[in-house]
Amino acid sequence: MATREDPKKRIRREREERKQAALAAERRKKLRGYAVAAALGVAVVAAVLVAALSGGGTGGAGQTAAEGGGGGHVHGLGVNPADGAIFVAAHNGLFRAAPGDAQARLVGPPGKDVMGFSIAGPNRFFGSGHPGEGENLPSSLGLILSTDAGRTFNPVSLLGEADFHVLRASGNRVYGFDSSNGRFMASRDGGRTWTELPEPPGTLVDLAIDPRDADGLIASTDSGLSASSDAGRSWRRLGEQVALVAWAAPERLFTLDADGRVAVSSDGGQTFRPTGQLSGEPVAFMAAGNDLYVALTDNRIMRSADGGVSWSVRTQV
């Protein structure tokens, strides 16, 4: 006769299994990023070596990624409502490109690995990740907040306890996936306090918040799309698409898959129709107003003003 597992032990076991699955997914993501970086060729490697040998590898605020030895792989994107500048959260720092800038420039300390990133309002940015040069902080930053457009960040909560690899905010509502512990979490007070929630089915890939109602979520995982209408307390399955997601407007929910195919839904993810094709492998996807933005593995940031039908280079990191 089988022995019944103690409920507390089962919860601890399941949490550890989720944590290990999240870490394995992150390792696969990093390996893919390193492989892409190696494929960029000798010219990039030579530039990094020259920067390191000349002492330029430490970089500094205002430098382009090339001047600082490279931006590293991109984790997230955001457009600042205050001035229309696009911000790129990357392995080697947070970068800014004003309208018309062909090259994004470093904001804040070099080497700051900005993992989770979300712009919640004018000059108001949430982030997570790992400290940069000269920052005497734990290796995991928990939730950090900038109110000066990324020049400085201050800890809000979970310092040394959480590493949010997916982070989305709408006003004071914040959602995050803590990869260090395999937790999906939500806050209603700007990240000061958190509630742990059931994870969407599968390993989380991306998350979008309904522009009309911050209780509405679309989660993309390695097993497909799911929706929540109660702030993540429960989930219903939508389909098997594995894609990045961006909610441009209530009637314009976009997906972008690994092959660059763009689709849009006007019914909250129940049905989709194709709109366009992007050349290149995407790593981050977002909407700002009527525009879509994508970061590619070669660190080009692309923009579409027609729902993904056509694309042009916005900037480079």
C-alpha atoms as a PDB file:
ATOM      1  CA  MET A   1       0.000   0.000   0.000  1.00  0.00           C
ATOM      2  CA  ALA A   2       1.431   3.403  -1.030  1.00  0.00           C
ATOM      3  CA  THR A   3       2.348   5.804   1.777  1.00  0.00           C
ATOM      4  CA  ARG A   4       0.541   9.138   1.596  1.00  0.00           C
ATOM      5  CA  GLU A   5       2.950  12.069   1.303  1.00  0.00           C
ATOM      6  CA  ASP A   6       2.843  14.667   4.045  1.00  0.00           C
ATOM      7  CA  PRO A   7       1.150  17.827   2.602  1.00  0.00           C
ATOM      8  CA  LYS A   8       3.886  20.156   3.884  1.00  0.00           C
ATOM      9  CA  LYS A   9       6.587  17.973   2.363  1.00  0.00           C
ATOM     10  CA  ARG A  10       4.645  17.853  -0.903  1.00  0.00           C
ATOM     11  CA  ILE A  11       4.416  21.666  -1.031  1.00  0.00           C
ATOM     12  CA  ARG A  12       8.141  21.995  -0.360  1.00  0.00           C
ATOM     13  CA  ARG A  13       8.919  19.344  -3.007  1.00  0.00           C
ATOM     14  CA  GLU A  14       6.698  20.994  -5.623  1.00  0.00           C
ATOM     15  CA  ARG A  15       8.215  24.419  -4.912  1.00  0.00           C
ATOM     16  CA  GLU A  16      11.731  22.985  -5.316  1.00  0.00           C
ATOM     17  CA  GLU A  17      10.703  21.324  -8.584  1.00  0.00           C
ATOM     18  CA  ARG A  18       9.341  24.662  -9.866  1.00  0.00           C
ATOM     19  CA  LYS A  19      12.549  26.420  -8.813  1.00  0.00           C
ATOM     20  CA  GLN A  20      14.728  23.877 -10.612  1.00  0.00           C
ATOM     21  CA  ALA A  21      12.584  24.090 -13.750  1.00  0.00           C
ATOM     22  CA  ALA A  22      12.876  27.896 -13.748  1.00  0.00           C
ATOM     23  CA  LEU A  23      16.640  27.753 -13.299  1.00  0.00           C
ATOM     24  CA  ALA A  24      16.954  25.215 -16.100  1.00  0.00           C
ATOM     25  CA  ALA A  25      14.913  27.446 -18.409  1.00  0.00           C
ATOM     26  CA  GLU A  26      17.119  30.428 -17.568  1.00  0.00           C
ATOM     27  CA  ARG A  27      20.267  28.398 -18.250  1.00  0.00           C
ATOM     28  CA  ARG A  28      18.877  27.465 -21.675  1.00  0.00           C
ATOM     29  CA  LYS A  29      18.101  31.114 -22.367  1.00  0.00           C
ATOM     30  CA  LYS A  30      21.614  32.213 -21.390  1.00  0.00           C
ATOM     31  CA  LEU A  31      23.236  29.470 -23.458  1.00  0.00           C
ATOM     32  CA  ARG A  32      21.237  30.608 -26.476  1.00  0.00           C
ATOM     33  CA  GLY A  33      22.347  34.201 -25.848  1.00  0.00           C
ATOM     34  CA  TYR A  34      25.998  33.204 -25.582  1.00  0.00           C
ATOM     35  CA  ALA A  35      25.775  31.134 -28.764  1.00  0.00           C
ATOM     36  CA  VAL A  36      24.284  34.078 -30.642  1.00  0.00           C
ATOM     37  CA  ALA A  37      26.991  36.387 -29.310  1.00  0.00           C
ATOM     38  CA  ALA A  38      29.670  34.005 -30.537  1.00  0.00           C
ATOM     39  CA  ALA A  39      28.067  33.915 -33.975  1.00  0.00           C
ATOM     40  CA  LEU A  40      28.301  37.678 -34.374  1.00  0.00           C
ATOM     41  CA  GLY A  41      31.896  37.226 -35.508  1.00  0.00           C
ATOM     42  CA  VAL A  42      35.459  38.261 -34.993  1.00  0.00           C
ATOM     43  CA  ALA A  43      34.778  42.000 -35.305  1.00  0.00           C
ATOM     44  CA  VAL A  44      32.663  42.100 -32.145  1.00  0.00           C
ATOM     45  CA  VAL A  45      35.128  39.950 -30.209  1.00  0.00           C
ATOM     46  CA  ALA A  46      37.976  42.220 -31.273  1.00  0.00           C
ATOM     47  CA  ALA A  47      36.067  45.308 -30.154  1.00  0.00           C
ATOM     48  CA  VAL A  48      35.499  43.783 -26.711  1.00  0.00           C
ATOM     49  CA  LEU A  49      39.194  42.892 -26.375  1.00  0.00           C
ATOM     50  CA  VAL A  50      40.314  46.385 -27.374  1.00  0.00           C
ATOM     51  CA  ALA A  51      37.930  47.949 -24.851  1.00  0.00           C
ATOM     52  CA  ALA A  52      39.159  45.663 -22.077  1.00  0.00           C
ATOM     53  CA  LEU A  53      42.846  46.193 -22.809  1.00  0.00           C
ATOM     54  CA  SER A  54      42.448  49.968 -22.985  1.00  0.00           C
ATOM     55  CA  GLY A  55      40.500  50.101 -19.726  1.00  0.00           C
ATOM     56  CA  GLY A  56      37.298  51.104 -21.568  1.00  0.00           C
ATOM     57  CA  GLY A  57      35.474  47.962 -20.478  1.00  0.00           C
ATOM     58  CA  THR A  58      34.292  49.716 -17.315  1.00  0.00           C
ATOM     59  CA  GLY A  59      32.293  52.112 -19.470  1.00  0.00           C
ATOM     60  CA  GLY A  60      30.403  55.056 -18.002  1.00  0.00           C
ATOM     61  CA  ALA A  61      27.084  56.853 -18.209  1.00  0.00           C
ATOM     62  CA  GLY A  62      26.473  58.226 -21.672  1.00  0.00           C
ATOM     63  CA  GLN A  63      28.584  55.652 -23.486  1.00  0.00           C
ATOM     64  CA  THR A  64      27.166  53.624 -26.327  1.00  0.00           C
ATOM     65  CA  ALA A  65      27.219  49.864 -25.851  1.00  0.00           C
ATOM     66  CA  ALA A  66      30.077  49.539 -28.358  1.00  0.00           C
ATOM     67  CA  GLU A  67      32.174  52.104 -26.455  1.00  0.00           C
ATOM     68  CA  GLY A  68      31.627  50.171 -23.230  1.00  0.00           C
ATOM     69  CA  GLY A  69      32.463  46.754 -24.669  1.00  0.00           C
ATOM     70  CA  GLY A  70      28.956  45.637 -25.639  1.00  0.00           C
ATOM     71  CA  GLY A  71      25.512  45.737 -24.115  1.00  0.00           C
ATOM     72  CA  GLY A  72      25.079  42.005 -23.721  1.00  0.00           C
ATOM     73  CA  HIS A  73      21.830  40.215 -24.396  1.00  0.00           C
ATOM     74  CA  VAL A  74      18.615  42.220 -24.026  1.00  0.00           C
ATOM     75  CA  HIS A  75      16.092  41.372 -21.304  1.00  0.00           C
ATOM     76  CA  GLY A  76      13.413  44.054 -21.691  1.00  0.00           C
ATOM     77  CA  LEU A  77      12.175  47.228 -23.356  1.00  0.00           C
ATOM     78  CA  GLY A  78      10.180  50.286 -22.381  1.00  0.00           C
ATOM     79  CA  VAL A  79       9.194  53.713 -23.724  1.00  0.00           C
ATOM     80  CA  ASN A  80       9.251  56.643 -21.308  1.00  0.00           C
ATOM     81  CA  PRO A  81       5.973  58.616 -21.588  1.00  0.00           C
ATOM     82  CA  ALA A  82       7.832  61.730 -20.449  1.00  0.00           C
ATOM     83  CA  ASP A  83       9.908  62.133 -23.611  1.00  0.00           C
ATOM     84  CA  GLY A  84       9.337  59.188 -25.963  1.00  0.00           C
ATOM     85  CA  ALA A  85      12.828  57.764 -25.376  1.00  0.00           C
ATOM     86  CA  ILE A  86      13.161  53.993 -25.602  1.00  0.00           C
ATOM     87  CA  PHE A  87      14.972  52.174 -22.806  1.00  0.00           C
ATOM     88  CA  VAL A  88      16.700  48.843 -23.269  1.00  0.00           C
ATOM     89  CA  ALA A  89      17.362  46.668 -20.216  1.00  0.00           C
ATOM     90  CA  ALA A  90      20.387  44.503 -20.965  1.00  0.00           C
ATOM     91  CA  HIS A  91      22.973  42.259 -19.367  1.00  0.00           C
ATOM     92  CA  ASN A  92      25.536  45.080 -19.148  1.00  0.00           C
ATOM     93  CA  GLY A  93      23.295  47.972 -18.151  1.00  0.00           C
ATOM     94  CA  LEU A  94      20.245  50.086 -18.891  1.00  0.00           C
ATOM     95  CA  PHE A  95      20.467  51.983 -22.193  1.00  0.00           C
ATOM     96  CA  ARG A  96      18.476  54.956 -23.532  1.00  0.00           C
ATOM     97  CA  ALA A  97      17.805  56.124 -27.087  1.00  0.00           C
ATOM     98  CA  ALA A  98      16.059  59.470 -27.520  1.00  0.00           C
ATOM     99  CA  PRO A  99      13.817  59.867 -30.599  1.00  0.00           C
ATOM    100  CA  GLY A 100      16.105  59.728 -33.625  1.00  0.00           C
ATOM    101  CA  ASP A 101      19.130  58.225 -31.826  1.00  0.00           C
ATOM    102  CA  ALA A 102      20.734  55.455 -33.888  1.00  0.00           C
ATOM    103  CA  GLN A 103      22.729  54.220 -30.888  1.00  0.00           C
ATOM    104  CA  ALA A 104      21.407  53.762 -27.359  1.00  0.00           C
ATOM    105  CA  ARG A 105      23.570  55.142 -24.538  1.00  0.00           C
ATOM    106  CA  LEU A 106      24.227  53.843 -21.057  1.00  0.00           C
ATOM    107  CA  VAL A 107      22.172  55.232 -18.172  1.00  0.00           C
ATOM    108  CA  GLY A 108      23.401  54.678 -14.630  1.00  0.00           C
ATOM    109  CA  PRO A 109      26.234  52.354 -13.584  1.00  0.00           C
ATOM    110  CA  PRO A 110      27.890  50.024 -16.111  1.00  0.00           C
ATOM    111  CA  GLY A 111      27.589  46.298 -15.624  1.00  0.00           C
ATOM    112  CA  LYS A 112      24.151  46.477 -13.980  1.00  0.00           C
ATOM    113  CA  ASP A 113      22.372  43.337 -15.193  1.00  0.00           C
ATOM    114  CA  VAL A 114      18.793  44.619 -15.514  1.00  0.00           C
ATOM    115  CA  MET A 115      16.664  41.470 -15.718  1.00  0.00           C
ATOM    116  CA  GLY A 116      13.031  42.319 -15.035  1.00  0.00           C
ATOM    117  CA  PHE A 117      12.124  45.813 -16.307  1.00  0.00           C
ATOM    118  CA  SER A 118       8.894  47.774 -16.642  1.00  0.00           C
ATOM    119  CA  ILE A 119       8.047  51.453 -17.115  1.00  0.00           C
ATOM    120  CA  ALA A 120       5.071  52.305 -14.907  1.00  0.00           C
ATOM    121  CA  GLY A 121       4.785  56.027 -15.714  1.00  0.00           C
ATOM    122  CA  PRO A 122       6.749  59.134 -16.728  1.00  0.00           C
ATOM    123  CA  ASN A 123      10.362  58.676 -15.501  1.00  0.00           C
ATOM    124  CA  ARG A 124       9.136  55.909 -13.151  1.00  0.00           C
ATOM    125  CA  PHE A 125      10.798  52.551 -13.815  1.00  0.00           C
ATOM    126  CA  PHE A 126      10.665  49.241 -11.945  1.00  0.00           C
ATOM    127  CA  GLY A 127      13.525  46.787 -12.271  1.00  0.00           C
ATOM    128  CA  SER A 128      15.320  43.787 -10.844  1.00  0.00           C
ATOM    129  CA  GLY A 129      18.482  41.821 -11.551  1.00  0.00           C
ATOM    130  CA  HIS A 130      22.049  42.172 -10.301  1.00  0.00           C
ATOM    131  CA  PRO A 131      24.188  45.138  -9.180  1.00  0.00           C
ATOM    132  CA  GLY A 132      26.567  47.090 -11.389  1.00  0.00           C
ATOM    133  CA  GLU A 133      30.052  48.415 -10.868  1.00  0.00           C
ATOM    134  CA  GLY A 134      30.467  50.287  -7.595  1.00  0.00           C
ATOM    135  CA  GLU A 135      27.112  49.181  -6.185  1.00  0.00           C
ATOM    136  CA  ASN A 136      27.526  47.579  -2.749  1.00  0.00           C
ATOM    137  CA  LEU A 137      24.373  45.453  -2.912  1.00  0.00           C
ATOM    138  CA  PRO A 138      23.407  41.770  -2.690  1.00  0.00           C
ATOM    139  CA  SER A 139      23.635  39.738  -5.882  1.00  0.00           C
ATOM    140  CA  SER A 140      19.821  39.663  -6.206  1.00  0.00           C
ATOM    141  CA  LEU A 141      18.245  43.118  -6.181  1.00  0.00           C
ATOM    142  CA  GLY A 142      14.638  42.169  -5.489  1.00  0.00           C
ATOM    143  CA  LEU A 143      12.403  45.003  -6.680  1.00  0.00           C
ATOM    144  CA  ILE A 144      14.077  48.354  -7.355  1.00  0.00           C
ATOM    145  CA  LEU A 145      12.512  51.658  -8.405  1.00  0.00           C
ATOM    146  CA  SER A 146      13.797  54.672 -10.314  1.00  0.00           C
ATOM    147  CA  THR A 147      11.955  58.007 -10.308  1.00  0.00           C
ATOM    148  CA  ASP A 148      14.601  59.804 -12.405  1.00  0.00           C
ATOM    149  CA  ALA A 149      14.359  57.863 -15.681  1.00  0.00           C
ATOM    150  CA  GLY A 150      16.861  55.185 -14.757  1.00  0.00           C
ATOM    151  CA  ARG A 151      19.764  57.308 -13.572  1.00  0.00           C
ATOM    152  CA  THR A 152      19.416  55.924 -10.040  1.00  0.00           C
ATOM    153  CA  PHE A 153      17.450  53.034  -8.531  1.00  0.00           C
ATOM    154  CA  ASN A 154      16.488  52.447  -4.911  1.00  0.00           C
ATOM    155  CA  PRO A 155      15.460  49.137  -3.282  1.00  0.00           C
ATOM    156  CA  VAL A 156      11.736  48.730  -2.671  1.00  0.00           C
ATOM    157  CA  SER A 157      11.456  45.173  -1.344  1.00  0.00           C
ATOM    158  CA  LEU A 158      12.912  41.638  -1.356  1.00  0.00           C
ATOM    159  CA  LEU A 159      16.518  42.872  -1.545  1.00  0.00           C
ATOM    160  CA  GLY A 160      18.733  39.786  -1.561  1.00  0.00           C
ATOM    161  CA  GLU A 161      15.659  37.546  -1.702  1.00  0.00           C
ATOM    162  CA  ALA A 162      14.256  37.726  -5.247  1.00  0.00           C
ATOM    163  CA  ASP A 163      15.432  37.987  -8.852  1.00  0.00           C
ATOM    164  CA  PHE A 164      12.510  38.940 -11.090  1.00  0.00           C
ATOM    165  CA  HIS A 165      13.133  37.788 -14.657  1.00  0.00           C
ATOM    166  CA  VAL A 166       9.625  38.761 -15.775  1.00  0.00           C
ATOM    167  CA  LEU A 167       8.300  42.043 -14.369  1.00  0.00           C
ATOM    168  CA  ARG A 168       5.225  44.021 -15.451  1.00  0.00           C
ATOM    169  CA  ALA A 169       3.650  47.084 -13.868  1.00  0.00           C
ATOM    170  CA  SER A 170       0.554  49.213 -14.326  1.00  0.00           C
ATOM    171  CA  GLY A 171       0.373  52.110 -11.893  1.00  0.00           C
ATOM    172  CA  ASN A 172       0.913  50.622  -8.442  1.00  0.00           C
ATOM    173  CA  ARG A 173       0.054  47.108  -9.594  1.00  0.00           C
ATOM    174  CA  VAL A 174       3.174  44.997 -10.114  1.00  0.00           C
ATOM    175  CA  TYR A 175       3.478  41.372 -11.248  1.00  0.00           C
ATOM    176  CA  GLY A 176       6.719  39.419 -11.233  1.00  0.00           C
ATOM    177  CA  PHE A 177       8.196  35.976 -11.677  1.00  0.00           C
ATOM    178  CA  ASP A 178      11.012  35.346  -9.195  1.00  0.00           C
ATOM    179  CA  SER A 179      13.319  32.901 -10.951  1.00  0.00           C
ATOM    180  CA  SER A 180      15.427  32.326  -7.840  1.00  0.00           C
ATOM    181  CA  ASN A 181      12.513  30.655  -6.037  1.00  0.00           C
ATOM    182  CA  GLY A 182      10.107  29.792  -8.858  1.00  0.00           C
ATOM    183  CA  ARG A 183       7.422  32.164  -7.511  1.00  0.00           C
ATOM    184  CA  PHE A 184       4.775  34.109  -9.408  1.00  0.00           C
ATOM    185  CA  MET A 185       3.907  37.156  -7.288  1.00  0.00           C
ATOM    186  CA  ALA A 186       1.724  40.264  -7.304  1.00  0.00           C
ATOM    187  CA  SER A 187       1.681  43.581  -5.460  1.00  0.00           C
ATOM    188  CA  ARG A 188      -1.035  46.224  -5.193  1.00  0.00           C
ATOM    189  CA  ASP A 189       1.074  48.876  -3.454  1.00  0.00           C
ATOM    190  CA  GLY A 190       3.964  49.498  -5.807  1.00  0.00           C
ATOM    191  CA  GLY A 191       5.933  46.449  -4.712  1.00  0.00           C
ATOM    192  CA  ARG A 192       6.148  47.159  -0.984  1.00  0.00           C
ATOM    193  CA  THR A 193       4.183  43.995  -0.120  1.00  0.00           C
ATOM    194  CA  TRP A 194       3.598  40.868  -2.192  1.00  0.00           C
ATOM    195  CA  THR A 195       1.195  37.951  -2.527  1.00  0.00           C
ATOM    196  CA  GLU A 196       2.385  34.631  -3.925  1.00  0.00           C
ATOM    197  CA  LEU A 197      -0.019  33.331  -6.591  1.00  0.00           C
ATOM    198  CA  PRO A 198      -0.579  30.121  -8.548  1.00  0.00           C
ATOM    199  CA  GLU A 199       1.781  29.967 -11.501  1.00  0.00           C
ATOM    200  CA  PRO A 200       0.311  29.925 -14.996  1.00  0.00           C
ATOM    201  CA  PRO A 201       0.496  26.429 -16.534  1.00  0.00           C
ATOM    202  CA  GLY A 202       4.092  25.816 -17.626  1.00  0.00           C
ATOM    203  CA  THR A 203       7.290  27.872 -17.328  1.00  0.00           C
ATOM    204  CA  LEU A 204       6.558  31.579 -17.752  1.00  0.00           C
ATOM    205  CA  VAL A 205       7.935  33.165 -20.941  1.00  0.00           C
ATOM    206  CA  ASP A 206       6.135  36.521 -21.013  1.00  0.00           C
ATOM    207  CA  LEU A 207       3.256  38.437 -19.425  1.00  0.00           C
ATOM    208  CA  ALA A 208       0.939  41.256 -20.520  1.00  0.00           C
ATOM    209  CA  ILE A 209      -1.510  43.370 -18.481  1.00  0.00           C
ATOM    210  CA  ASP A 210      -4.904  44.367 -19.864  1.00  0.00           C
ATOM    211  CA  PRO A 211      -4.776  48.142 -20.603  1.00  0.00           C
ATOM    212  CA  ARG A 212      -8.357  48.521 -19.305  1.00  0.00           C
ATOM    213  CA  ASP A 213      -8.086  46.502 -16.101  1.00  0.00           C
ATOM    214  CA  ALA A 214      -4.919  45.589 -14.184  1.00  0.00           C
ATOM    215  CA  ASP A 215      -6.667  42.414 -12.947  1.00  0.00           C
ATOM    216  CA  GLY A 216      -6.600  41.070 -16.520  1.00  0.00           C
ATOM    217  CA  LEU A 217      -3.496  39.141 -17.552  1.00  0.00           C
ATOM    218  CA  ILE A 218      -2.249  37.128 -20.495  1.00  0.00           C
ATOM    219  CA  ALA A 219       0.573  34.725 -19.684  1.00  0.00           C
ATOM    220  CA  SER A 220       2.707  32.967 -22.251  1.00  0.00           C
ATOM    221  CA  THR A 221       4.448  29.815 -21.072  1.00  0.00           C
ATOM    222  CA  ASP A 222       6.306  26.963 -22.712  1.00  0.00           C
ATOM    223  CA  SER A 223       2.965  25.150 -22.977  1.00  0.00           C
ATOM    224  CA  GLY A 224       0.883  27.972 -24.505  1.00  0.00           C
ATOM    225  CA  LEU A 225      -1.231  31.012 -23.631  1.00  0.00           C
ATOM    226  CA  SER A 226      -3.390  31.406 -20.525  1.00  0.00           C
ATOM    227  CA  ALA A 227      -5.616  34.226 -19.272  1.00  0.00           C
ATOM    228  CA  SER A 228      -6.581  35.494 -15.838  1.00  0.00           C
ATOM    229  CA  SER A 229      -9.346  37.948 -14.993  1.00  0.00           C
ATOM    230  CA  ASP A 230      -8.737  37.952 -11.228  1.00  0.00           C
ATOM    231  CA  ALA A 231      -5.167  39.278 -10.942  1.00  0.00           C
ATOM    232  CA  GLY A 232      -3.543  35.881 -11.327  1.00  0.00           C
ATOM    233  CA  ARG A 233      -5.488  33.960  -8.683  1.00  0.00           C
ATOM    234  CA  SER A 234      -6.783  31.566 -11.357  1.00  0.00           C
ATOM    235  CA  TRP A 235      -5.981  30.804 -15.009  1.00  0.00           C
ATOM    236  CA  ARG A 236      -7.810  29.481 -18.038  1.00  0.00           C
ATOM    237  CA  ARG A 237      -6.095  27.999 -21.067  1.00  0.00           C
ATOM    238  CA  LEU A 238      -6.361  29.927 -24.372  1.00  0.00           C
ATOM    239  CA  GLY A 239      -4.221  28.007 -26.830  1.00  0.00           C
ATOM    240  CA  GLU A 240      -0.911  26.356 -27.589  1.00  0.00           C
ATOM    241  CA  GLN A 241       0.928  29.409 -28.973  1.00  0.00           C
ATOM    242  CA  VAL A 242       4.378  29.862 -27.424  1.00  0.00           C
ATOM    243  CA  ALA A 243       5.191  33.505 -28.052  1.00  0.00           C
ATOM    244  CA  LEU A 244       6.055  36.892 -26.645  1.00  0.00           C
ATOM    245  CA  VAL A 245       2.983  39.028 -25.903  1.00  0.00           C
ATOM    246  CA  ALA A 246       2.203  42.760 -26.020  1.00  0.00           C
ATOM    247  CA  TRP A 247      -1.172  44.388 -25.236  1.00  0.00           C
ATOM    248  CA  ALA A 248      -1.273  47.608 -27.264  1.00  0.00           C
ATOM    249  CA  ALA A 249      -4.944  48.414 -26.640  1.00  0.00           C
ATOM    250  CA  PRO A 250      -7.996  46.537 -25.336  1.00  0.00           C
ATOM    251  CA  GLU A 251      -8.786  45.277 -28.841  1.00  0.00           C
ATOM    252  CA  ARG A 252      -5.147  44.749 -29.928  1.00  0.00           C
ATOM    253  CA  LEU A 253      -3.346  41.909 -28.160  1.00  0.00           C
ATOM    254  CA  PHE A 254      -0.252  40.892 -30.146  1.00  0.00           C
ATOM    255  CA  THR A 255       1.864  37.751 -30.156  1.00  0.00           C
ATOM    256  CA  LEU A 256       5.303  37.300 -31.700  1.00  0.00           C
ATOM    257  CA  ASP A 257       6.719  33.806 -32.023  1.00  0.00           C
ATOM    258  CA  ALA A 258      10.325  32.630 -32.304  1.00  0.00           C
ATOM    259  CA  ASP A 259      10.097  32.602 -36.108  1.00  0.00           C
ATOM    260  CA  GLY A 260       9.091  36.268 -36.225  1.00  0.00           C
ATOM    261  CA  ARG A 261       5.410  35.723 -37.029  1.00  0.00           C
ATOM    262  CA  VAL A 262       3.162  38.498 -35.678  1.00  0.00           C
ATOM    263  CA  ALA A 263      -0.525  37.940 -34.904  1.00  0.00           C
ATOM    264  CA  VAL A 264      -3.219  40.091 -33.320  1.00  0.00           C
ATOM    265  CA  SER A 265      -6.333  39.326 -31.292  1.00  0.00           C
ATOM    266  CA  SER A 266      -9.327  41.621 -30.865  1.00  0.00           C
ATOM    267  CA  ASP A 267     -11.077  39.367 -28.324  1.00  0.00           C
ATOM    268  CA  GLY A 268      -8.557  39.043 -25.516  1.00  0.00           C
ATOM    269  CA  GLY A 269      -6.689  36.086 -26.966  1.00  0.00           C
ATOM    270  CA  GLN A 270      -9.608  33.867 -27.951  1.00  0.00           C
ATOM    271  CA  THR A 271      -8.746  34.107 -31.647  1.00  0.00           C
ATOM    272  CA  PHE A 272      -5.789  35.527 -33.591  1.00  0.00           C
ATOM    273  CA  ARG A 273      -5.126  36.591 -37.164  1.00  0.00           C
ATOM    274  CA  PRO A 274      -1.660  37.010 -38.714  1.00  0.00           C
ATOM    275  CA  THR A 275      -0.495  40.547 -39.458  1.00  0.00           C
ATOM    276  CA  GLY A 276       3.135  40.336 -40.511  1.00  0.00           C
ATOM    277  CA  GLN A 277       6.550  38.730 -40.467  1.00  0.00           C
ATOM    278  CA  LEU A 278       9.698  40.002 -38.766  1.00  0.00           C
ATOM    279  CA  SER A 279      13.140  38.964 -39.981  1.00  0.00           C
ATOM    280  CA  GLY A 280      15.295  37.910 -37.030  1.00  0.00           C
ATOM    281  CA  GLU A 281      14.910  36.075 -33.723  1.00  0.00           C
ATOM    282  CA  PRO A 282      13.093  38.156 -31.065  1.00  0.00           C
ATOM    283  CA  VAL A 283      14.089  38.263 -27.396  1.00  0.00           C
ATOM    284  CA  ALA A 284      11.852  41.066 -26.067  1.00  0.00           C
ATOM    285  CA  PHE A 285       8.549  42.541 -27.265  1.00  0.00           C
ATOM    286  CA  MET A 286       6.417  45.483 -26.122  1.00  0.00           C
ATOM    287  CA  ALA A 287       3.749  47.959 -27.184  1.00  0.00           C
ATOM    288  CA  ALA A 288       3.673  51.719 -26.585  1.00  0.00           C
ATOM    289  CA  GLY A 289       0.646  53.543 -27.905  1.00  0.00           C
ATOM    290  CA  ASN A 290       0.088  52.296 -31.455  1.00  0.00           C
ATOM    291  CA  ASP A 291       3.715  51.221 -31.904  1.00  0.00           C
ATOM    292  CA  LEU A 292       5.305  47.807 -31.429  1.00  0.00           C
ATOM    293  CA  TYR A 293       8.954  47.351 -30.443  1.00  0.00           C
ATOM    294  CA  VAL A 294      11.103  44.227 -30.663  1.00  0.00           C
ATOM    295  CA  ALA A 295      14.654  43.476 -29.545  1.00  0.00           C
ATOM    296  CA  LEU A 296      16.448  40.944 -31.739  1.00  0.00           C
ATOM    297  CA  THR A 297      19.296  38.627 -30.787  1.00  0.00           C
ATOM    298  CA  ASP A 298      21.745  40.870 -32.697  1.00  0.00           C
ATOM    299  CA  ASN A 299      20.694  43.767 -30.364  1.00  0.00           C
ATOM    300  CA  ARG A 300      18.828  45.736 -33.014  1.00  0.00           C
ATOM    301  CA  ILE A 301      15.661  47.326 -31.684  1.00  0.00           C
ATOM    302  CA  MET A 302      12.916  47.266 -34.325  1.00  0.00           C
ATOM    303  CA  ARG A 303       9.743  49.379 -34.513  1.00  0.00           C
ATOM    304  CA  SER A 304       6.442  48.890 -36.304  1.00  0.00           C
ATOM    305  CA  ALA A 305       3.747  51.564 -36.593  1.00  0.00           C
ATOM    306  CA  ASP A 306       1.298  49.391 -38.540  1.00  0.00           C
ATOM    307  CA  GLY A 307       0.629  46.431 -36.271  1.00  0.00           C
ATOM    308  CA  GLY A 308       3.613  44.364 -37.347  1.00  0.00           C
ATOM    309  CA  VAL A 309       3.074  44.582 -41.100  1.00  0.00           C
ATOM    310  CA  SER A 310       6.360  46.442 -41.666  1.00  0.00           C
ATOM    311  CA  TRP A 311       9.414  47.056 -39.496  1.00  0.00           C
ATOM    312  CA  SER A 312      12.330  49.485 -39.341  1.00  0.00           C
ATOM    313  CA  VAL A 313      15.389  49.804 -37.101  1.00  0.00           C
ATOM    314  CA  ARG A 314      14.658  52.120 -34.157  1.00  0.00           C
ATOM    315  CA  THR A 315      18.080  51.919 -32.484  1.00  0.00           C
ATOM    316  CA  GLN A 316      20.983  49.601 -31.656  1.00  0.00           C
ATOM    317  CA  VAL A 317      22.482  48.463 -28.337  1.00  0.00           C
END
